[in-house]
């Protein structure tokens, strides 16, 4: 269970090895001073990178609400995700529409929120978590999507945006 804070920064990332392909997502929730409230990765099975990006956001927003966060800043390296949620791009893909609607509903539960696109190289911790999710699901004993918690460092991006 996440630690509590009223304000937090949520870093999210989704990755797919192939598009579609084995996918994972990661979310790390931090206080403004860098204290980690929650860090989690999930294996998503076979899906696209854009679905993985939305799943990462949904995971992180859920953890933020569980932690009692009231004001949140979301940072993600998916320009599509950020622009769609800001209303700058339409959500055309039928598979993304329910995910975008769920994300908007979760965001509406916060007192305030800010959405920020960041360069990939600034999102290395969430990227590491997303790749750990894929790695866990790609292990020989895995057969179903799973989740787990992990601390992150850095890695390179896998999958197309």
C-alpha atoms as a PDB file:
ATOM      1  CA  UNK A   1       0.000   0.000   0.000  1.00  0.00           C
ATOM      2  CA  UNK A   2       1.415   3.415  -0.880  1.00  0.00           C
ATOM      3  CA  UNK A   3       2.511   5.921   1.750  1.00  0.00           C
ATOM      4  CA  UNK A   4       0.339   9.040   1.951  1.00  0.00           C
ATOM      5  CA  UNK A   5       0.881  12.597   0.682  1.00  0.00           C
ATOM      6  CA  UNK A   6      -1.490  15.323  -0.503  1.00  0.00           C
ATOM      7  CA  UNK A   7       0.645  16.381  -3.483  1.00  0.00           C
ATOM      8  CA  UNK A   8       2.627  14.097  -5.745  1.00  0.00           C
ATOM      9  CA  UNK A   9       4.315  13.684  -9.097  1.00  0.00           C
ATOM     10  CA  UNK A  10       3.403  10.591 -11.092  1.00  0.00           C
ATOM     11  CA  UNK A  11       5.853   9.299 -13.693  1.00  0.00           C
ATOM     12  CA  UNK A  12       4.402   6.670 -16.042  1.00  0.00           C
ATOM     13  CA  UNK A  13       5.557   4.627 -18.998  1.00  0.00           C
ATOM     14  CA  UNK A  14       4.311   1.782 -21.125  1.00  0.00           C
ATOM     15  CA  UNK A  15       6.356  -0.382 -23.456  1.00  0.00           C
ATOM     16  CA  UNK A  16       5.715  -3.110 -26.008  1.00  0.00           C
ATOM     17  CA  UNK A  17       8.384  -5.227 -27.690  1.00  0.00           C
ATOM     18  CA  UNK A  18       6.831  -5.221 -31.110  1.00  0.00           C
ATOM     19  CA  UNK A  19       3.689  -3.240 -31.688  1.00  0.00           C
ATOM     20  CA  UNK A  20       1.660  -5.175 -30.746  1.00  0.00           C
ATOM     21  CA  UNK A  21       3.852  -7.469 -28.702  1.00  0.00           C
ATOM     22  CA  UNK A  22       4.657  -8.465 -25.121  1.00  0.00           C
ATOM     23  CA  UNK A  23       3.940  -5.336 -23.100  1.00  0.00           C
ATOM     24  CA  UNK A  24       4.411  -3.905 -19.647  1.00  0.00           C
ATOM     25  CA  UNK A  25       3.762  -0.726 -17.758  1.00  0.00           C
ATOM     26  CA  UNK A  26       5.348   1.118 -14.887  1.00  0.00           C
ATOM     27  CA  UNK A  27       4.349   3.921 -12.577  1.00  0.00           C
ATOM     28  CA  UNK A  28       6.320   5.683  -9.895  1.00  0.00           C
ATOM     29  CA  UNK A  29       4.649   8.126  -7.523  1.00  0.00           C
ATOM     30  CA  UNK A  30       6.866  10.612  -5.710  1.00  0.00           C
ATOM     31  CA  UNK A  31       6.544  13.596  -3.425  1.00  0.00           C
ATOM     32  CA  UNK A  32       7.901  16.923  -4.683  1.00  0.00           C
ATOM     33  CA  UNK A  33      11.113  16.293  -2.706  1.00  0.00           C
ATOM     34  CA  UNK A  34      11.616  12.899  -4.406  1.00  0.00           C
ATOM     35  CA  UNK A  35      10.363  10.498  -1.717  1.00  0.00           C
ATOM     36  CA  UNK A  36       8.900   7.399  -3.396  1.00  0.00           C
ATOM     37  CA  UNK A  37       5.310   6.735  -2.368  1.00  0.00           C
ATOM     38  CA  UNK A  38       4.726   3.855  -4.758  1.00  0.00           C
ATOM     39  CA  UNK A  39       6.640   2.133  -7.555  1.00  0.00           C
ATOM     40  CA  UNK A  40       5.011  -0.662  -9.499  1.00  0.00           C
ATOM     41  CA  UNK A  41       5.258  -2.564 -12.746  1.00  0.00           C
ATOM     42  CA  UNK A  42       2.835  -4.895 -14.489  1.00  0.00           C
ATOM     43  CA  UNK A  43       3.004  -7.390 -17.313  1.00  0.00           C
ATOM     44  CA  UNK A  44       0.131  -6.707 -19.717  1.00  0.00           C
ATOM     45  CA  UNK A  45       0.345  -9.610 -22.151  1.00  0.00           C
ATOM     46  CA  UNK A  46       0.205  -8.923 -25.894  1.00  0.00           C
ATOM     47  CA  UNK A  47      -0.878  -5.362 -26.651  1.00  0.00           C
ATOM     48  CA  UNK A  48       0.233  -2.121 -28.287  1.00  0.00           C
ATOM     49  CA  UNK A  49       2.542   0.499 -26.885  1.00  0.00           C
ATOM     50  CA  UNK A  50      -0.266   3.068 -26.706  1.00  0.00           C
ATOM     51  CA  UNK A  51      -2.476   0.728 -24.667  1.00  0.00           C
ATOM     52  CA  UNK A  52       0.513   0.110 -22.372  1.00  0.00           C
ATOM     53  CA  UNK A  53       0.958   3.886 -21.926  1.00  0.00           C
ATOM     54  CA  UNK A  54      -2.671   4.256 -20.827  1.00  0.00           C
ATOM     55  CA  UNK A  55      -2.456   1.205 -18.529  1.00  0.00           C
ATOM     56  CA  UNK A  56       0.592   2.755 -16.839  1.00  0.00           C
ATOM     57  CA  UNK A  57      -1.323   5.967 -16.245  1.00  0.00           C
ATOM     58  CA  UNK A  58      -4.350   4.110 -14.855  1.00  0.00           C
ATOM     59  CA  UNK A  59      -2.119   2.107 -12.516  1.00  0.00           C
ATOM     60  CA  UNK A  60      -0.390   5.229 -11.236  1.00  0.00           C
ATOM     61  CA  UNK A  61      -3.563   7.274 -10.811  1.00  0.00           C
ATOM     62  CA  UNK A  62      -5.156   4.435  -8.860  1.00  0.00           C
ATOM     63  CA  UNK A  63      -2.134   4.216  -6.536  1.00  0.00           C
ATOM     64  CA  UNK A  64      -2.173   7.995  -6.084  1.00  0.00           C
ATOM     65  CA  UNK A  65      -5.821   7.953  -5.036  1.00  0.00           C
ATOM     66  CA  UNK A  66      -5.117   5.072  -2.643  1.00  0.00           C
ATOM     67  CA  UNK A  67      -2.317   7.164  -1.128  1.00  0.00           C
ATOM     68  CA  UNK A  68      -4.672  10.071  -0.503  1.00  0.00           C
ATOM     69  CA  UNK A  69      -3.073  12.347  -3.096  1.00  0.00           C
ATOM     70  CA  UNK A  70      -5.317  15.343  -3.819  1.00  0.00           C
ATOM     71  CA  UNK A  71      -3.122  17.297  -6.239  1.00  0.00           C
ATOM     72  CA  UNK A  72      -1.115  15.468  -8.872  1.00  0.00           C
ATOM     73  CA  UNK A  73       1.251  16.228 -11.703  1.00  0.00           C
ATOM     74  CA  UNK A  74       1.459  13.490 -14.331  1.00  0.00           C
ATOM     75  CA  UNK A  75       4.671  13.210 -16.329  1.00  0.00           C
ATOM     76  CA  UNK A  76       4.814  10.824 -19.275  1.00  0.00           C
ATOM     77  CA  UNK A  77       6.932  10.508 -22.398  1.00  0.00           C
ATOM     78  CA  UNK A  78       3.943   9.621 -24.578  1.00  0.00           C
ATOM     79  CA  UNK A  79       3.022  12.784 -26.435  1.00  0.00           C
ATOM     80  CA  UNK A  80      -0.081  11.049 -27.790  1.00  0.00           C
ATOM     81  CA  UNK A  81      -1.352  10.190 -24.291  1.00  0.00           C
ATOM     82  CA  UNK A  82      -0.761  13.678 -22.891  1.00  0.00           C
ATOM     83  CA  UNK A  83      -2.248  15.485 -25.903  1.00  0.00           C
ATOM     84  CA  UNK A  84      -5.292  13.205 -25.980  1.00  0.00           C
ATOM     85  CA  UNK A  85      -5.978  13.793 -22.289  1.00  0.00           C
ATOM     86  CA  UNK A  86      -5.557  17.551 -22.724  1.00  0.00           C
ATOM     87  CA  UNK A  87      -8.044  17.457 -25.604  1.00  0.00           C
ATOM     88  CA  UNK A  88      -5.444  18.594 -28.154  1.00  0.00           C
ATOM     89  CA  UNK A  89      -5.748  15.291 -30.075  1.00  0.00           C
ATOM     90  CA  UNK A  90      -8.903  13.261 -30.589  1.00  0.00           C
ATOM     91  CA  UNK A  91      -8.900   9.655 -29.395  1.00  0.00           C
ATOM     92  CA  UNK A  92      -9.540   7.914 -32.709  1.00  0.00           C
ATOM     93  CA  UNK A  93      -8.507   4.351 -31.850  1.00  0.00           C
ATOM     94  CA  UNK A  94     -11.491   2.359 -30.561  1.00  0.00           C
ATOM     95  CA  UNK A  95      -9.253   0.379 -28.191  1.00  0.00           C
ATOM     96  CA  UNK A  96      -7.976   3.559 -26.545  1.00  0.00           C
ATOM     97  CA  UNK A  97     -11.359   5.260 -26.081  1.00  0.00           C
ATOM     98  CA  UNK A  98     -12.397   3.350 -22.922  1.00  0.00           C
ATOM     99  CA  UNK A  99      -8.900   3.759 -21.451  1.00  0.00           C
ATOM    100  CA  UNK A 100      -8.935   7.512 -22.104  1.00  0.00           C
ATOM    101  CA  UNK A 101     -12.405   7.783 -20.546  1.00  0.00           C
ATOM    102  CA  UNK A 102     -11.254   5.874 -17.466  1.00  0.00           C
ATOM    103  CA  UNK A 103      -8.156   8.078 -17.175  1.00  0.00           C
ATOM    104  CA  UNK A 104     -10.285  11.239 -17.382  1.00  0.00           C
ATOM    105  CA  UNK A 105     -12.655   9.875 -14.735  1.00  0.00           C
ATOM    106  CA  UNK A 106      -9.737   9.140 -12.385  1.00  0.00           C
ATOM    107  CA  UNK A 107      -8.169  12.559 -13.023  1.00  0.00           C
ATOM    108  CA  UNK A 108     -11.507  14.205 -12.164  1.00  0.00           C
ATOM    109  CA  UNK A 109     -11.282  12.687  -8.672  1.00  0.00           C
ATOM    110  CA  UNK A 110      -8.263  14.873  -7.847  1.00  0.00           C
ATOM    111  CA  UNK A 111      -8.627  18.398  -6.491  1.00  0.00           C
ATOM    112  CA  UNK A 112      -6.246  19.473  -9.261  1.00  0.00           C
ATOM    113  CA  UNK A 113      -4.029  17.837 -11.846  1.00  0.00           C
ATOM    114  CA  UNK A 114      -1.421  18.828 -14.387  1.00  0.00           C
ATOM    115  CA  UNK A 115      -0.377  16.802 -17.442  1.00  0.00           C
ATOM    116  CA  UNK A 116       3.162  17.200 -18.716  1.00  0.00           C
ATOM    117  CA  UNK A 117       4.951  15.568 -21.627  1.00  0.00           C
ATOM    118  CA  UNK A 118       8.605  14.843 -20.789  1.00  0.00           C
ATOM    119  CA  UNK A 119      11.479  13.640 -22.918  1.00  0.00           C
ATOM    120  CA  UNK A 120      12.138   9.915 -22.789  1.00  0.00           C
ATOM    121  CA  UNK A 121      15.536  10.374 -21.166  1.00  0.00           C
ATOM    122  CA  UNK A 122      13.880  12.124 -18.207  1.00  0.00           C
ATOM    123  CA  UNK A 123      11.499   9.199 -17.637  1.00  0.00           C
ATOM    124  CA  UNK A 124      14.038   6.436 -17.033  1.00  0.00           C
ATOM    125  CA  UNK A 125      12.621   5.124 -13.744  1.00  0.00           C
ATOM    126  CA  UNK A 126       9.136   4.511 -15.154  1.00  0.00           C
ATOM    127  CA  UNK A 127      10.735   3.061 -18.308  1.00  0.00           C
ATOM    128  CA  UNK A 128      12.741   0.618 -16.170  1.00  0.00           C
ATOM    129  CA  UNK A 129       9.559  -0.473 -14.415  1.00  0.00           C
ATOM    130  CA  UNK A 130       7.707  -0.979 -17.709  1.00  0.00           C
ATOM    131  CA  UNK A 131      10.533  -3.141 -19.012  1.00  0.00           C
ATOM    132  CA  UNK A 132      10.634  -5.119 -15.760  1.00  0.00           C
ATOM    133  CA  UNK A 133       6.946  -5.850 -16.301  1.00  0.00           C
ATOM    134  CA  UNK A 134       7.665  -7.222 -19.768  1.00  0.00           C
ATOM    135  CA  UNK A 135      10.628  -9.240 -18.491  1.00  0.00           C
ATOM    136  CA  UNK A 136       8.537 -10.792 -15.721  1.00  0.00           C
ATOM    137  CA  UNK A 137       5.849 -11.791 -18.216  1.00  0.00           C
ATOM    138  CA  UNK A 138       8.390 -13.140 -20.695  1.00  0.00           C
ATOM    139  CA  UNK A 139       9.848 -15.533 -18.111  1.00  0.00           C
ATOM    140  CA  UNK A 140       9.221 -19.208 -18.993  1.00  0.00           C
ATOM    141  CA  UNK A 141       6.939 -19.814 -15.975  1.00  0.00           C
ATOM    142  CA  UNK A 142       4.609 -16.886 -16.774  1.00  0.00           C
ATOM    143  CA  UNK A 143       1.348 -17.481 -18.572  1.00  0.00           C
ATOM    144  CA  UNK A 144      -0.920 -14.613 -17.441  1.00  0.00           C
ATOM    145  CA  UNK A 145      -0.602 -10.878 -16.851  1.00  0.00           C
ATOM    146  CA  UNK A 146       0.805 -10.138 -13.417  1.00  0.00           C
ATOM    147  CA  UNK A 147       1.867  -7.254 -11.261  1.00  0.00           C
ATOM    148  CA  UNK A 148       4.672  -6.574  -8.874  1.00  0.00           C
ATOM    149  CA  UNK A 149       6.453  -3.796  -7.094  1.00  0.00           C
ATOM    150  CA  UNK A 150       9.968  -2.711  -7.879  1.00  0.00           C
ATOM    151  CA  UNK A 151      12.355   0.158  -7.410  1.00  0.00           C
ATOM    152  CA  UNK A 152      13.778   1.600 -10.594  1.00  0.00           C
ATOM    153  CA  UNK A 153      17.035   2.968 -11.951  1.00  0.00           C
ATOM    154  CA  UNK A 154      17.405   3.471 -15.698  1.00  0.00           C
ATOM    155  CA  UNK A 155      17.263   1.617 -18.997  1.00  0.00           C
ATOM    156  CA  UNK A 156      16.702   2.290 -22.661  1.00  0.00           C
ATOM    157  CA  UNK A 157      13.296   2.379 -24.312  1.00  0.00           C
ATOM    158  CA  UNK A 158      11.916  -0.729 -25.974  1.00  0.00           C
ATOM    159  CA  UNK A 159       8.992  -0.580 -28.341  1.00  0.00           C
ATOM    160  CA  UNK A 160       7.576   1.912 -30.785  1.00  0.00           C
ATOM    161  CA  UNK A 161       5.474   4.910 -29.889  1.00  0.00           C
END
